[in-house]
N, C-alpha and C. Protein backbone atom coordinates (compact mmCIF):
# COMPACT_ATOMS: atom_id res chain seq x y z
N MET A 1 16.73 -21.71 -5.28
CA MET A 1 16.35 -20.36 -5.66
C MET A 1 15.88 -19.60 -4.42
N LYS A 2 16.10 -18.29 -4.45
CA LYS A 2 15.66 -17.42 -3.37
C LYS A 2 14.99 -16.20 -4.00
N LEU A 3 14.01 -15.65 -3.29
CA LEU A 3 13.36 -14.42 -3.70
C LEU A 3 13.84 -13.33 -2.77
N VAL A 4 14.47 -12.28 -3.33
CA VAL A 4 14.97 -11.15 -2.56
C VAL A 4 13.97 -10.01 -2.74
N ILE A 5 13.47 -9.47 -1.60
CA ILE A 5 12.47 -8.41 -1.62
C ILE A 5 13.06 -7.19 -0.91
N GLU A 6 13.00 -6.04 -1.58
CA GLU A 6 13.53 -4.81 -1.00
C GLU A 6 12.43 -3.75 -1.00
N ASP A 7 12.19 -3.12 0.17
CA ASP A 7 11.18 -2.06 0.24
C ASP A 7 11.82 -0.72 -0.08
N GLU A 8 11.01 0.36 -0.05
CA GLU A 8 11.52 1.67 -0.44
C GLU A 8 12.54 2.23 0.54
N ALA A 9 12.59 1.70 1.78
CA ALA A 9 13.58 2.13 2.76
C ALA A 9 14.90 1.39 2.59
N GLY A 10 14.94 0.39 1.70
CA GLY A 10 16.17 -0.36 1.47
C GLY A 10 16.28 -1.61 2.31
N THR A 11 15.25 -1.93 3.10
CA THR A 11 15.26 -3.14 3.91
C THR A 11 15.01 -4.34 3.00
N ARG A 12 15.88 -5.36 3.14
CA ARG A 12 15.77 -6.54 2.29
C ARG A 12 15.34 -7.76 3.09
N SER A 13 14.53 -8.58 2.45
CA SER A 13 14.13 -9.88 3.00
C SER A 13 14.45 -10.93 1.96
N VAL A 14 14.87 -12.10 2.42
CA VAL A 14 15.19 -13.20 1.52
C VAL A 14 14.30 -14.38 1.87
N LEU A 15 13.57 -14.89 0.87
CA LEU A 15 12.69 -16.04 1.07
C LEU A 15 13.20 -17.22 0.28
N PRO A 16 13.27 -18.40 0.90
CA PRO A 16 13.60 -19.58 0.11
C PRO A 16 12.48 -19.85 -0.88
N PHE A 17 12.84 -20.20 -2.08
CA PHE A 17 11.88 -20.42 -3.15
C PHE A 17 11.93 -21.88 -3.55
N ALA A 18 11.63 -22.74 -2.59
CA ALA A 18 11.76 -24.18 -2.82
C ALA A 18 10.45 -24.81 -3.26
N THR A 19 9.32 -24.18 -2.93
CA THR A 19 8.02 -24.76 -3.29
C THR A 19 7.67 -24.39 -4.73
N ALA A 20 6.60 -24.98 -5.23
CA ALA A 20 6.20 -24.75 -6.62
C ALA A 20 5.75 -23.32 -6.86
N ASP A 21 5.12 -22.70 -5.85
CA ASP A 21 4.72 -21.30 -6.04
C ASP A 21 4.83 -20.53 -4.74
N LEU A 22 4.91 -19.21 -4.90
CA LEU A 22 5.09 -18.30 -3.77
C LEU A 22 4.24 -17.07 -4.09
N THR A 23 3.21 -16.78 -3.28
CA THR A 23 2.30 -15.67 -3.52
C THR A 23 2.65 -14.51 -2.61
N VAL A 24 2.62 -13.28 -3.16
CA VAL A 24 2.86 -12.07 -2.37
C VAL A 24 1.68 -11.14 -2.54
N GLY A 25 1.40 -10.35 -1.48
CA GLY A 25 0.31 -9.39 -1.53
C GLY A 25 0.16 -8.68 -0.20
N ARG A 26 -0.84 -7.82 -0.12
CA ARG A 26 -1.07 -7.01 1.07
C ARG A 26 -1.77 -7.77 2.20
N ALA A 27 -2.57 -8.78 1.89
CA ALA A 27 -3.33 -9.51 2.91
C ALA A 27 -2.41 -10.39 3.75
N GLN A 28 -2.79 -10.56 5.00
CA GLN A 28 -1.99 -11.41 5.89
C GLN A 28 -2.24 -12.88 5.59
N GLU A 29 -3.46 -13.24 5.21
CA GLU A 29 -3.79 -14.63 4.92
C GLU A 29 -3.66 -14.87 3.42
N GLY A 30 -3.21 -16.07 3.06
CA GLY A 30 -3.15 -16.47 1.66
C GLY A 30 -1.90 -16.06 0.92
N ASN A 31 -0.97 -15.41 1.58
CA ASN A 31 0.28 -15.00 0.94
C ASN A 31 1.45 -15.57 1.72
N ARG A 32 2.49 -15.92 1.00
CA ARG A 32 3.69 -16.40 1.66
C ARG A 32 4.48 -15.23 2.24
N PHE A 33 4.39 -14.06 1.57
CA PHE A 33 5.07 -12.87 2.08
C PHE A 33 4.12 -11.68 1.93
N ARG A 34 4.01 -10.90 2.99
CA ARG A 34 3.11 -9.75 3.02
C ARG A 34 3.86 -8.48 2.61
N LEU A 35 3.27 -7.72 1.69
CA LEU A 35 3.81 -6.44 1.25
C LEU A 35 2.82 -5.35 1.68
N PRO A 36 3.01 -4.80 2.89
CA PRO A 36 2.01 -3.86 3.43
C PRO A 36 2.13 -2.47 2.81
N ASP A 37 1.62 -2.33 1.60
CA ASP A 37 1.66 -1.06 0.89
C ASP A 37 0.29 -0.86 0.24
N ARG A 38 -0.20 0.37 0.23
CA ARG A 38 -1.54 0.61 -0.31
C ARG A 38 -1.62 0.37 -1.82
N ASP A 39 -0.48 0.38 -2.51
CA ASP A 39 -0.48 0.13 -3.95
C ASP A 39 -0.33 -1.35 -4.28
N VAL A 40 -0.39 -2.21 -3.27
CA VAL A 40 -0.28 -3.66 -3.47
C VAL A 40 -1.65 -4.27 -3.22
N SER A 41 -2.12 -5.11 -4.13
CA SER A 41 -3.40 -5.79 -3.96
C SER A 41 -3.30 -6.88 -2.90
N ARG A 42 -4.46 -7.34 -2.42
CA ARG A 42 -4.46 -8.36 -1.36
C ARG A 42 -3.70 -9.61 -1.78
N ARG A 43 -3.96 -10.12 -2.96
CA ARG A 43 -3.17 -11.20 -3.56
C ARG A 43 -2.68 -10.64 -4.88
N HIS A 44 -1.45 -10.16 -4.91
CA HIS A 44 -0.97 -9.35 -6.02
C HIS A 44 -0.31 -10.17 -7.13
N ALA A 45 0.68 -10.99 -6.75
CA ALA A 45 1.43 -11.73 -7.77
C ALA A 45 1.86 -13.08 -7.23
N ARG A 46 2.18 -13.97 -8.18
CA ARG A 46 2.64 -15.30 -7.80
C ARG A 46 3.93 -15.60 -8.55
N PHE A 47 4.91 -16.12 -7.82
CA PHE A 47 6.17 -16.57 -8.40
C PHE A 47 6.10 -18.08 -8.47
N LEU A 48 6.48 -18.65 -9.61
CA LEU A 48 6.39 -20.09 -9.85
C LEU A 48 7.74 -20.64 -10.28
N LEU A 49 7.98 -21.88 -9.91
CA LEU A 49 9.11 -22.62 -10.45
C LEU A 49 8.54 -23.75 -11.30
N VAL A 50 8.84 -23.73 -12.59
CA VAL A 50 8.37 -24.76 -13.51
C VAL A 50 9.62 -25.42 -14.07
N ASN A 51 9.85 -26.67 -13.67
CA ASN A 51 11.06 -27.40 -14.07
C ASN A 51 12.33 -26.62 -13.75
N GLY A 52 12.33 -25.95 -12.59
CA GLY A 52 13.49 -25.19 -12.14
C GLY A 52 13.64 -23.81 -12.75
N VAL A 53 12.68 -23.40 -13.60
CA VAL A 53 12.73 -22.10 -14.26
C VAL A 53 11.74 -21.17 -13.55
N PRO A 54 12.18 -19.98 -13.09
CA PRO A 54 11.28 -19.07 -12.37
C PRO A 54 10.39 -18.26 -13.32
N PHE A 55 9.12 -18.10 -12.91
CA PHE A 55 8.16 -17.29 -13.63
C PHE A 55 7.46 -16.39 -12.63
N VAL A 56 6.87 -15.29 -13.10
CA VAL A 56 6.03 -14.44 -12.28
C VAL A 56 4.75 -14.18 -13.07
N GLU A 57 3.62 -14.08 -12.33
CA GLU A 57 2.37 -13.71 -12.98
C GLU A 57 1.58 -12.80 -12.06
N ASP A 58 0.92 -11.82 -12.65
CA ASP A 58 0.07 -10.90 -11.92
C ASP A 58 -1.26 -11.60 -11.66
N LEU A 59 -1.82 -11.41 -10.48
CA LEU A 59 -3.07 -12.07 -10.12
C LEU A 59 -4.26 -11.12 -10.24
N GLY A 60 -4.25 -10.28 -11.25
CA GLY A 60 -5.36 -9.35 -11.48
C GLY A 60 -5.30 -8.13 -10.59
N SER A 61 -4.11 -7.70 -10.23
CA SER A 61 -3.97 -6.54 -9.35
C SER A 61 -4.38 -5.27 -10.07
N LEU A 62 -4.73 -4.25 -9.29
CA LEU A 62 -5.15 -2.98 -9.86
C LEU A 62 -3.96 -2.19 -10.41
N THR A 63 -2.86 -2.16 -9.67
CA THR A 63 -1.70 -1.36 -10.09
C THR A 63 -0.73 -2.13 -10.97
N GLY A 64 -0.87 -3.44 -11.06
CA GLY A 64 -0.05 -4.22 -11.97
C GLY A 64 1.28 -4.66 -11.38
N THR A 65 1.92 -5.55 -12.10
CA THR A 65 3.24 -6.06 -11.78
C THR A 65 4.13 -5.74 -12.97
N ARG A 66 5.32 -5.22 -12.69
CA ARG A 66 6.23 -4.82 -13.77
C ARG A 66 7.51 -5.65 -13.70
N VAL A 67 8.00 -6.05 -14.87
CA VAL A 67 9.28 -6.72 -14.99
C VAL A 67 10.16 -5.82 -15.85
N ASN A 68 11.25 -5.34 -15.25
CA ASN A 68 12.16 -4.41 -15.92
C ASN A 68 11.41 -3.19 -16.46
N GLY A 69 10.44 -2.70 -15.69
CA GLY A 69 9.69 -1.50 -16.05
C GLY A 69 8.50 -1.72 -16.95
N GLU A 70 8.32 -2.92 -17.48
CA GLU A 70 7.21 -3.21 -18.39
C GLU A 70 6.11 -3.95 -17.64
N ARG A 71 4.88 -3.43 -17.72
CA ARG A 71 3.75 -4.08 -17.05
C ARG A 71 3.44 -5.39 -17.76
N ILE A 72 3.31 -6.46 -16.98
CA ILE A 72 3.06 -7.77 -17.57
C ILE A 72 1.56 -8.05 -17.56
N THR A 73 1.11 -8.79 -18.57
CA THR A 73 -0.29 -9.17 -18.66
C THR A 73 -0.48 -10.68 -18.59
N ALA A 74 0.60 -11.41 -18.71
CA ALA A 74 0.55 -12.87 -18.66
C ALA A 74 1.77 -13.37 -17.89
N ARG A 75 1.84 -14.67 -17.70
CA ARG A 75 2.99 -15.25 -17.01
C ARG A 75 4.26 -14.89 -17.76
N ARG A 76 5.28 -14.47 -17.00
CA ARG A 76 6.55 -14.02 -17.61
C ARG A 76 7.70 -14.80 -17.01
N ARG A 77 8.55 -15.34 -17.87
CA ARG A 77 9.75 -16.03 -17.42
C ARG A 77 10.74 -15.00 -16.88
N LEU A 78 11.37 -15.33 -15.76
CA LEU A 78 12.37 -14.44 -15.17
C LEU A 78 13.75 -14.96 -15.49
N ARG A 79 14.61 -14.03 -15.88
CA ARG A 79 16.01 -14.36 -16.15
C ARG A 79 16.88 -13.66 -15.13
N GLU A 80 18.11 -14.10 -15.01
CA GLU A 80 19.05 -13.48 -14.08
C GLU A 80 19.17 -12.00 -14.41
N GLY A 81 19.02 -11.16 -13.40
CA GLY A 81 19.11 -9.71 -13.58
C GLY A 81 17.78 -9.03 -13.78
N ASP A 82 16.67 -9.79 -13.92
CA ASP A 82 15.35 -9.18 -14.07
C ASP A 82 14.91 -8.56 -12.75
N LEU A 83 14.31 -7.39 -12.81
CA LEU A 83 13.81 -6.69 -11.63
C LEU A 83 12.29 -6.66 -11.71
N VAL A 84 11.62 -7.17 -10.68
CA VAL A 84 10.16 -7.19 -10.60
C VAL A 84 9.74 -6.07 -9.65
N GLU A 85 8.81 -5.24 -10.09
CA GLU A 85 8.32 -4.13 -9.27
C GLU A 85 6.86 -4.35 -8.92
N ILE A 86 6.57 -4.32 -7.61
CA ILE A 86 5.21 -4.45 -7.10
C ILE A 86 5.02 -3.32 -6.10
N GLY A 87 4.18 -2.34 -6.42
CA GLY A 87 4.03 -1.18 -5.55
C GLY A 87 5.38 -0.51 -5.37
N SER A 88 5.79 -0.28 -4.12
CA SER A 88 7.09 0.35 -3.86
C SER A 88 8.16 -0.69 -3.55
N TYR A 89 7.91 -1.95 -3.90
CA TYR A 89 8.85 -3.04 -3.63
C TYR A 89 9.56 -3.47 -4.91
N ASP A 90 10.84 -3.79 -4.76
CA ASP A 90 11.64 -4.38 -5.84
C ASP A 90 11.93 -5.82 -5.46
N LEU A 91 11.74 -6.75 -6.37
CA LEU A 91 11.94 -8.17 -6.12
C LEU A 91 12.82 -8.76 -7.20
N ALA A 92 13.61 -9.76 -6.82
CA ALA A 92 14.46 -10.46 -7.78
C ALA A 92 14.60 -11.91 -7.34
N VAL A 93 14.61 -12.82 -8.31
CA VAL A 93 14.86 -14.23 -8.04
C VAL A 93 16.35 -14.45 -8.25
N VAL A 94 16.99 -15.03 -7.24
CA VAL A 94 18.44 -15.22 -7.25
C VAL A 94 18.73 -16.70 -7.01
N PRO A 95 19.68 -17.29 -7.75
CA PRO A 95 20.03 -18.68 -7.47
C PRO A 95 20.67 -18.80 -6.09
N ASP A 96 20.55 -19.98 -5.48
CA ASP A 96 21.09 -20.19 -4.13
C ASP A 96 22.58 -19.89 -4.06
N ASP A 97 23.33 -20.32 -5.06
CA ASP A 97 24.77 -20.08 -5.01
C ASP A 97 25.12 -18.62 -5.29
N GLY A 98 24.20 -17.86 -5.87
CA GLY A 98 24.45 -16.45 -6.14
C GLY A 98 24.47 -15.61 -4.88
N LEU A 99 23.78 -16.03 -3.83
CA LEU A 99 23.75 -15.24 -2.59
C LEU A 99 25.14 -15.17 -1.96
N ALA A 100 25.79 -16.28 -1.79
CA ALA A 100 27.10 -16.28 -1.12
C ALA A 100 28.16 -15.63 -1.99
N ALA A 101 28.10 -15.84 -3.29
CA ALA A 101 29.13 -15.30 -4.16
C ALA A 101 29.07 -13.79 -4.27
N VAL A 102 27.88 -13.22 -4.23
CA VAL A 102 27.73 -11.78 -4.43
C VAL A 102 27.82 -11.00 -3.14
N ALA A 103 27.20 -11.49 -2.06
CA ALA A 103 27.07 -10.65 -0.87
C ALA A 103 27.74 -11.21 0.36
N GLY A 104 28.35 -12.35 0.28
CA GLY A 104 28.94 -12.92 1.48
C GLY A 104 27.92 -13.75 2.23
N PRO A 105 28.37 -14.49 3.23
CA PRO A 105 27.45 -15.40 3.92
C PRO A 105 26.39 -14.63 4.70
N GLY A 106 25.11 -15.01 4.47
CA GLY A 106 24.00 -14.49 5.26
C GLY A 106 23.43 -13.16 4.81
N ALA A 107 24.11 -12.40 3.99
CA ALA A 107 23.60 -11.09 3.58
C ALA A 107 22.96 -11.19 2.21
N PRO A 108 21.81 -10.49 2.01
CA PRO A 108 21.19 -10.54 0.69
C PRO A 108 22.01 -9.76 -0.31
N PRO A 109 21.99 -10.19 -1.56
CA PRO A 109 22.76 -9.50 -2.59
C PRO A 109 22.08 -8.20 -2.99
N PRO A 110 22.80 -7.33 -3.65
CA PRO A 110 22.13 -6.12 -4.16
C PRO A 110 21.18 -6.52 -5.27
N LEU A 111 20.06 -5.83 -5.34
CA LEU A 111 19.11 -6.12 -6.40
C LEU A 111 19.65 -5.58 -7.71
N PRO A 112 19.31 -6.24 -8.80
CA PRO A 112 19.82 -5.77 -10.09
C PRO A 112 19.26 -4.40 -10.40
N GLY A 113 20.06 -3.58 -11.00
CA GLY A 113 19.63 -2.25 -11.39
C GLY A 113 19.59 -2.14 -12.89
N PRO A 114 19.40 -0.93 -13.41
CA PRO A 114 19.40 -0.78 -14.86
C PRO A 114 20.79 -1.06 -15.41
N PRO A 115 20.88 -1.49 -16.66
CA PRO A 115 22.20 -1.78 -17.24
C PRO A 115 23.04 -0.51 -17.28
N PRO A 116 24.36 -0.65 -17.10
CA PRO A 116 25.20 0.55 -17.10
C PRO A 116 25.24 1.18 -18.49
N ALA A 117 25.37 2.50 -18.50
CA ALA A 117 25.45 3.23 -19.76
C ALA A 117 26.82 3.02 -20.38
N PRO A 118 26.90 2.98 -21.70
CA PRO A 118 28.21 2.81 -22.34
C PRO A 118 29.09 4.02 -22.05
N PRO A 119 30.40 3.84 -22.03
CA PRO A 119 31.28 4.97 -21.77
C PRO A 119 31.10 6.04 -22.84
N PRO A 120 31.38 7.31 -22.49
CA PRO A 120 31.16 8.39 -23.46
C PRO A 120 31.89 8.19 -24.78
N SER A 121 33.06 7.59 -24.76
CA SER A 121 33.81 7.41 -26.00
C SER A 121 33.14 6.40 -26.93
N ALA A 122 32.30 5.49 -26.38
CA ALA A 122 31.64 4.48 -27.19
C ALA A 122 30.33 4.98 -27.78
N ARG A 123 29.81 6.10 -27.28
CA ARG A 123 28.55 6.62 -27.79
C ARG A 123 28.78 7.33 -29.12
N PRO A 124 27.91 7.09 -30.09
CA PRO A 124 28.06 7.80 -31.37
C PRO A 124 27.72 9.28 -31.19
N VAL A 125 28.49 10.12 -31.84
CA VAL A 125 28.27 11.56 -31.77
C VAL A 125 27.57 11.98 -33.04
N PRO A 126 26.37 12.56 -32.94
CA PRO A 126 25.67 12.96 -34.15
C PRO A 126 26.36 14.15 -34.81
N ALA A 127 26.33 14.16 -36.13
CA ALA A 127 26.93 15.27 -36.88
C ALA A 127 26.00 16.47 -36.77
N PRO A 128 26.58 17.69 -36.77
CA PRO A 128 25.74 18.87 -36.71
C PRO A 128 24.84 18.96 -37.94
N VAL A 129 23.63 19.41 -37.73
CA VAL A 129 22.65 19.52 -38.81
C VAL A 129 22.15 20.96 -38.85
N ALA A 130 22.14 21.54 -40.05
CA ALA A 130 21.60 22.89 -40.21
C ALA A 130 20.09 22.79 -40.35
N VAL A 131 19.39 23.62 -39.61
CA VAL A 131 17.93 23.60 -39.62
C VAL A 131 17.44 25.00 -39.96
N ALA A 132 16.57 25.09 -40.95
CA ALA A 132 15.95 26.37 -41.29
C ALA A 132 14.58 26.41 -40.65
N VAL A 133 14.29 27.50 -39.97
CA VAL A 133 13.01 27.64 -39.29
C VAL A 133 12.29 28.85 -39.87
N ALA A 134 11.08 28.64 -40.33
CA ALA A 134 10.27 29.74 -40.84
C ALA A 134 9.46 30.31 -39.69
N VAL A 135 9.48 31.63 -39.54
CA VAL A 135 8.73 32.29 -38.47
C VAL A 135 7.48 32.88 -39.09
N GLN A 136 6.36 32.58 -38.48
CA GLN A 136 5.09 33.06 -38.99
C GLN A 136 4.40 33.87 -37.91
N GLU A 137 3.79 34.95 -38.31
CA GLU A 137 3.06 35.78 -37.35
C GLU A 137 1.86 35.01 -36.84
N PRO A 138 1.61 35.07 -35.55
CA PRO A 138 0.42 34.37 -35.04
C PRO A 138 -0.86 35.05 -35.50
N ALA A 139 -1.86 34.25 -35.72
CA ALA A 139 -3.16 34.79 -36.12
C ALA A 139 -3.78 35.51 -34.94
N PRO A 140 -4.54 36.56 -35.19
CA PRO A 140 -5.18 37.25 -34.07
C PRO A 140 -6.15 36.31 -33.38
N LEU A 141 -6.19 36.40 -32.07
CA LEU A 141 -7.06 35.53 -31.28
C LEU A 141 -8.48 36.03 -31.34
N ALA A 142 -9.38 35.10 -31.52
CA ALA A 142 -10.80 35.45 -31.47
C ALA A 142 -11.16 35.71 -30.01
N GLU A 143 -12.01 36.64 -29.81
CA GLU A 143 -12.38 36.98 -28.43
C GLU A 143 -13.23 35.86 -27.85
N GLU A 144 -12.84 35.39 -26.67
CA GLU A 144 -13.58 34.31 -26.02
C GLU A 144 -14.82 34.87 -25.35
N PRO A 145 -15.89 34.10 -25.37
CA PRO A 145 -17.08 34.55 -24.65
C PRO A 145 -16.79 34.52 -23.15
N PRO A 146 -17.41 35.39 -22.40
CA PRO A 146 -17.16 35.39 -20.97
C PRO A 146 -17.65 34.09 -20.33
N ARG A 147 -16.84 33.54 -19.42
CA ARG A 147 -17.19 32.29 -18.75
C ARG A 147 -17.73 32.53 -17.35
N ARG A 148 -17.88 33.76 -17.01
CA ARG A 148 -18.34 34.09 -15.66
C ARG A 148 -19.72 33.50 -15.40
N GLY A 149 -20.59 33.56 -16.41
CA GLY A 149 -21.95 33.04 -16.22
C GLY A 149 -21.94 31.55 -15.95
N LEU A 150 -21.06 30.81 -16.63
CA LEU A 150 -20.96 29.37 -16.44
C LEU A 150 -20.44 29.05 -15.05
N LEU A 151 -19.45 29.79 -14.60
CA LEU A 151 -18.90 29.58 -13.26
C LEU A 151 -19.95 29.86 -12.20
N LEU A 152 -20.70 30.93 -12.36
CA LEU A 152 -21.75 31.25 -11.39
C LEU A 152 -22.82 30.17 -11.36
N ALA A 153 -23.15 29.59 -12.52
CA ALA A 153 -24.14 28.52 -12.57
C ALA A 153 -23.65 27.29 -11.80
N TYR A 154 -22.36 26.94 -11.94
CA TYR A 154 -21.81 25.80 -11.21
C TYR A 154 -21.84 26.05 -9.70
N VAL A 155 -21.45 27.26 -9.29
CA VAL A 155 -21.44 27.58 -7.87
C VAL A 155 -22.86 27.54 -7.31
N ALA A 156 -23.82 28.09 -8.05
CA ALA A 156 -25.21 28.08 -7.59
C ALA A 156 -25.73 26.65 -7.47
N ALA A 157 -25.42 25.80 -8.45
CA ALA A 157 -25.88 24.40 -8.39
C ALA A 157 -25.26 23.68 -7.21
N PHE A 158 -24.00 23.95 -6.92
CA PHE A 158 -23.33 23.32 -5.78
C PHE A 158 -23.99 23.75 -4.47
N LEU A 159 -24.28 25.04 -4.33
CA LEU A 159 -24.90 25.53 -3.09
C LEU A 159 -26.30 24.97 -2.91
N VAL A 160 -27.06 24.86 -3.99
CA VAL A 160 -28.40 24.28 -3.90
C VAL A 160 -28.31 22.81 -3.47
N ALA A 161 -27.39 22.07 -4.06
CA ALA A 161 -27.22 20.67 -3.69
C ALA A 161 -26.79 20.54 -2.24
N LEU A 162 -25.94 21.43 -1.78
CA LEU A 162 -25.49 21.41 -0.39
C LEU A 162 -26.64 21.70 0.56
N LEU A 163 -27.45 22.68 0.24
CA LEU A 163 -28.60 23.03 1.09
C LEU A 163 -29.63 21.92 1.10
N LEU A 164 -29.89 21.31 -0.07
CA LEU A 164 -30.85 20.20 -0.12
C LEU A 164 -30.34 19.01 0.68
N GLY A 165 -29.05 18.74 0.60
CA GLY A 165 -28.49 17.64 1.36
C GLY A 165 -28.62 17.89 2.86
N ALA A 166 -28.39 19.12 3.30
CA ALA A 166 -28.53 19.44 4.72
C ALA A 166 -29.97 19.35 5.16
N ALA A 167 -30.90 19.77 4.29
CA ALA A 167 -32.32 19.72 4.65
C ALA A 167 -32.78 18.26 4.75
N VAL A 168 -32.37 17.42 3.80
CA VAL A 168 -32.76 16.01 3.83
C VAL A 168 -32.16 15.34 5.06
N GLY A 169 -30.93 15.68 5.39
CA GLY A 169 -30.29 15.12 6.58
C GLY A 169 -31.01 15.53 7.86
N ALA A 170 -31.52 16.75 7.92
CA ALA A 170 -32.23 17.21 9.11
C ALA A 170 -33.57 16.51 9.24
N TRP A 171 -34.23 16.23 8.13
CA TRP A 171 -35.53 15.56 8.18
C TRP A 171 -35.42 14.10 8.63
N THR A 172 -34.31 13.47 8.34
CA THR A 172 -34.17 12.05 8.69
C THR A 172 -33.83 11.86 10.16
N LEU A 173 -33.42 12.92 10.85
CA LEU A 173 -33.09 12.80 12.27
C LEU A 173 -34.33 12.80 13.03
């Protein structure tokens, strides 16, 4: 098995997935592969092989890990064609023999995308429906109380807080 990682610029990296687990995240230490993106947690996700079957699990990241667009909350089994999203990175687990067959020797394969849409002739065409719409006069609007006083109160409170902060800062010097 191999893990194919693609960043937002389209640069791909391929990692052998021979060990029991493979951790990815923003930190340089403790991860097998570093994803230097601000939306990636220090230790973001872990990919596991259990009896030859790939799984992914989120390690409590803030922004989450998504499989095919759905945020996962527990360990998720990965199937061929599943797309894992971490920050601005797309990841996919590919079998070893799939690399050579799809992309040629040495080049990473394209990452799976969304399933293709059915051809237009296969899509059902809805029958036209007549819709009656009743038009109602809008009710007169009640006059809103002026908000100028509230806005002035907020501005005055902000200026007082700013002046007090400057005065306290001057006293501590």
